[in-house]
C-alpha atoms as a PDB file:
ATOM      1  CA  UNK A   1      93.418 -10.842-126.162  1.00  0.00           C
ATOM      2  CA  UNK A   2      92.699  -9.033-123.376  1.00  0.00           C
ATOM      3  CA  UNK A   3      92.271 -12.092-120.868  1.00  0.00           C
ATOM      4  CA  UNK A   4      95.886 -12.722-122.328  1.00  0.00           C
ATOM      5  CA  UNK A   5      97.942 -10.470-119.231  1.00  0.00           C
ATOM      6  CA  UNK A   6      95.585 -11.718-116.608  1.00  0.00           C
ATOM      7  CA  UNK A   7      95.773 -15.260-117.587  1.00  0.00           C
ATOM      8  CA  UNK A   8      99.848 -15.190-117.035  1.00  0.00           C
ATOM      9  CA  UNK A   9      99.480 -13.075-114.033  1.00  0.00           C
ATOM     10  CA  UNK A  10      97.331 -15.725-112.456  1.00  0.00           C
ATOM     11  CA  UNK A  11      99.725 -18.682-113.292  1.00  0.00           C
ATOM     12  CA  UNK A  12     102.340 -16.707-111.862  1.00  0.00           C
ATOM     13  CA  UNK A  13     100.555 -16.221-108.606  1.00  0.00           C
ATOM     14  CA  UNK A  14      99.522 -20.065-109.099  1.00  0.00           C
ATOM     15  CA  UNK A  15     103.640 -20.757-109.467  1.00  0.00           C
ATOM     16  CA  UNK A  16     104.575 -18.389-106.842  1.00  0.00           C
ATOM     17  CA  UNK A  17     102.012 -20.622-104.466  1.00  0.00           C
ATOM     18  CA  UNK A  18     103.653 -23.756-105.307  1.00  0.00           C
ATOM     19  CA  UNK A  19     100.338 -24.931-107.190  1.00  0.00           C
ATOM     20  CA  UNK A  20     101.317 -24.323-110.701  1.00  0.00           C
ATOM     21  CA  UNK A  21     105.140 -25.956-110.880  1.00  0.00           C
ATOM     22  CA  UNK A  22     105.680 -25.263-114.301  1.00  0.00           C
ATOM     23  CA  UNK A  23     103.981 -23.847-117.390  1.00  0.00           C
ATOM     24  CA  UNK A  24     104.813 -23.808-121.400  1.00  0.00           C
ATOM     25  CA  UNK A  25     102.964 -21.782-124.479  1.00  0.00           C
ATOM     26  CA  UNK A  26     103.750 -23.765-127.931  1.00  0.00           C
ATOM     27  CA  UNK A  27     105.348 -21.000-130.310  1.00  0.00           C
ATOM     28  CA  UNK A  28     102.278 -20.728-132.234  1.00  0.00           C
ATOM     29  CA  UNK A  29     100.045 -20.384-129.126  1.00  0.00           C
ATOM     30  CA  UNK A  30      97.905 -22.908-129.396  1.00  0.00           C
ATOM     31  CA  UNK A  31      98.879 -24.953-126.287  1.00  0.00           C
ATOM     32  CA  UNK A  32      99.810 -24.615-122.968  1.00  0.00           C
ATOM     33  CA  UNK A  33     101.241 -27.392-121.061  1.00  0.00           C
ATOM     34  CA  UNK A  34     100.458 -26.921-116.904  1.00  0.00           C
ATOM     35  CA  UNK A  35     101.939 -29.000-114.131  1.00  0.00           C
ATOM     36  CA  UNK A  36     100.012 -28.719-111.598  1.00  0.00           C
ATOM     37  CA  UNK A  37     100.194 -29.946-108.140  1.00  0.00           C
ATOM     38  CA  UNK A  38      97.357 -31.279-107.158  1.00  0.00           C
ATOM     39  CA  UNK A  39      96.009 -34.503-104.773  1.00  0.00           C
ATOM     40  CA  UNK A  40      93.062 -35.409-107.510  1.00  0.00           C
ATOM     41  CA  UNK A  41      91.749 -34.713-110.705  1.00  0.00           C
ATOM     42  CA  UNK A  42      88.740 -32.542-109.129  1.00  0.00           C
ATOM     43  CA  UNK A  43      91.518 -30.327-107.616  1.00  0.00           C
ATOM     44  CA  UNK A  44      93.207 -30.055-110.916  1.00  0.00           C
ATOM     45  CA  UNK A  45      89.808 -29.130-112.537  1.00  0.00           C
ATOM     46  CA  UNK A  46      88.846 -26.588-109.924  1.00  0.00           C
ATOM     47  CA  UNK A  47      92.632 -25.134-110.269  1.00  0.00           C
ATOM     48  CA  UNK A  48      92.027 -24.721-114.264  1.00  0.00           C
ATOM     49  CA  UNK A  49      88.505 -23.539-113.819  1.00  0.00           C
ATOM     50  CA  UNK A  50      90.073 -20.169-111.989  1.00  0.00           C
ATOM     51  CA  UNK A  51      91.814 -19.677-115.220  1.00  0.00           C
ATOM     52  CA  UNK A  52      90.994 -16.262-117.404  1.00  0.00           C
ATOM     53  CA  UNK A  53      90.966 -18.322-120.516  1.00  0.00           C
ATOM     54  CA  UNK A  54      88.993 -21.470-118.915  1.00  0.00           C
ATOM     55  CA  UNK A  55      85.902 -20.879-121.361  1.00  0.00           C
ATOM     56  CA  UNK A  56      88.299 -21.268-124.171  1.00  0.00           C
ATOM     57  CA  UNK A  57      90.264 -24.087-123.981  1.00  0.00           C
ATOM     58  CA  UNK A  58      89.665 -28.106-123.650  1.00  0.00           C
ATOM     59  CA  UNK A  59      92.576 -29.682-121.542  1.00  0.00           C
ATOM     60  CA  UNK A  60      93.467 -33.417-120.736  1.00  0.00           C
ATOM     61  CA  UNK A  61      94.746 -34.567-117.545  1.00  0.00           C
ATOM     62  CA  UNK A  62      97.864 -36.832-117.232  1.00  0.00           C
ATOM     63  CA  UNK A  63      98.718 -37.843-114.146  1.00  0.00           C
ATOM     64  CA  UNK A  64     103.102 -37.864-113.439  1.00  0.00           C
ATOM     65  CA  UNK A  65     105.002 -40.556-111.485  1.00  0.00           C
ATOM     66  CA  UNK A  66     107.539 -37.346-110.857  1.00  0.00           C
ATOM     67  CA  UNK A  67     108.398 -34.073-111.919  1.00  0.00           C
ATOM     68  CA  UNK A  68     111.944 -32.690-112.569  1.00  0.00           C
ATOM     69  CA  UNK A  69     113.026 -29.163-113.252  1.00  0.00           C
ATOM     70  CA  UNK A  70     116.087 -27.489-113.355  1.00  0.00           C
ATOM     71  CA  UNK A  71     114.977 -25.389-110.383  1.00  0.00           C
ATOM     72  CA  UNK A  72     116.325 -26.375-107.446  1.00  0.00           C
ATOM     73  CA  UNK A  73     116.575 -24.086-104.032  1.00  0.00           C
ATOM     74  CA  UNK A  74     120.156 -23.050-102.820  1.00  0.00           C
ATOM     75  CA  UNK A  75     121.295 -25.312 -99.754  1.00  0.00           C
ATOM     76  CA  UNK A  76     123.103 -23.726 -96.705  1.00  0.00           C
ATOM     77  CA  UNK A  77     124.750 -26.194 -94.647  1.00  0.00           C
ATOM     78  CA  UNK A  78     125.415 -22.795 -92.604  1.00  0.00           C
END
């Protein structure tokens, strides 16, 4: 449990760097879905290995055709 705040901070840091596009945690806290921007599965593995809770989870990689979210930057025509 001590690692949970570190995990959250680490993921938020990766979000601010544009590496993690989004993440979701199941209500029972047993599953986490993370959308990672990467050029290869090896790059994804390298990113995941930096997670503080990495040694406690199993993961599967599913390449996406695209990732759409409700977060759009504001655009100014000025």
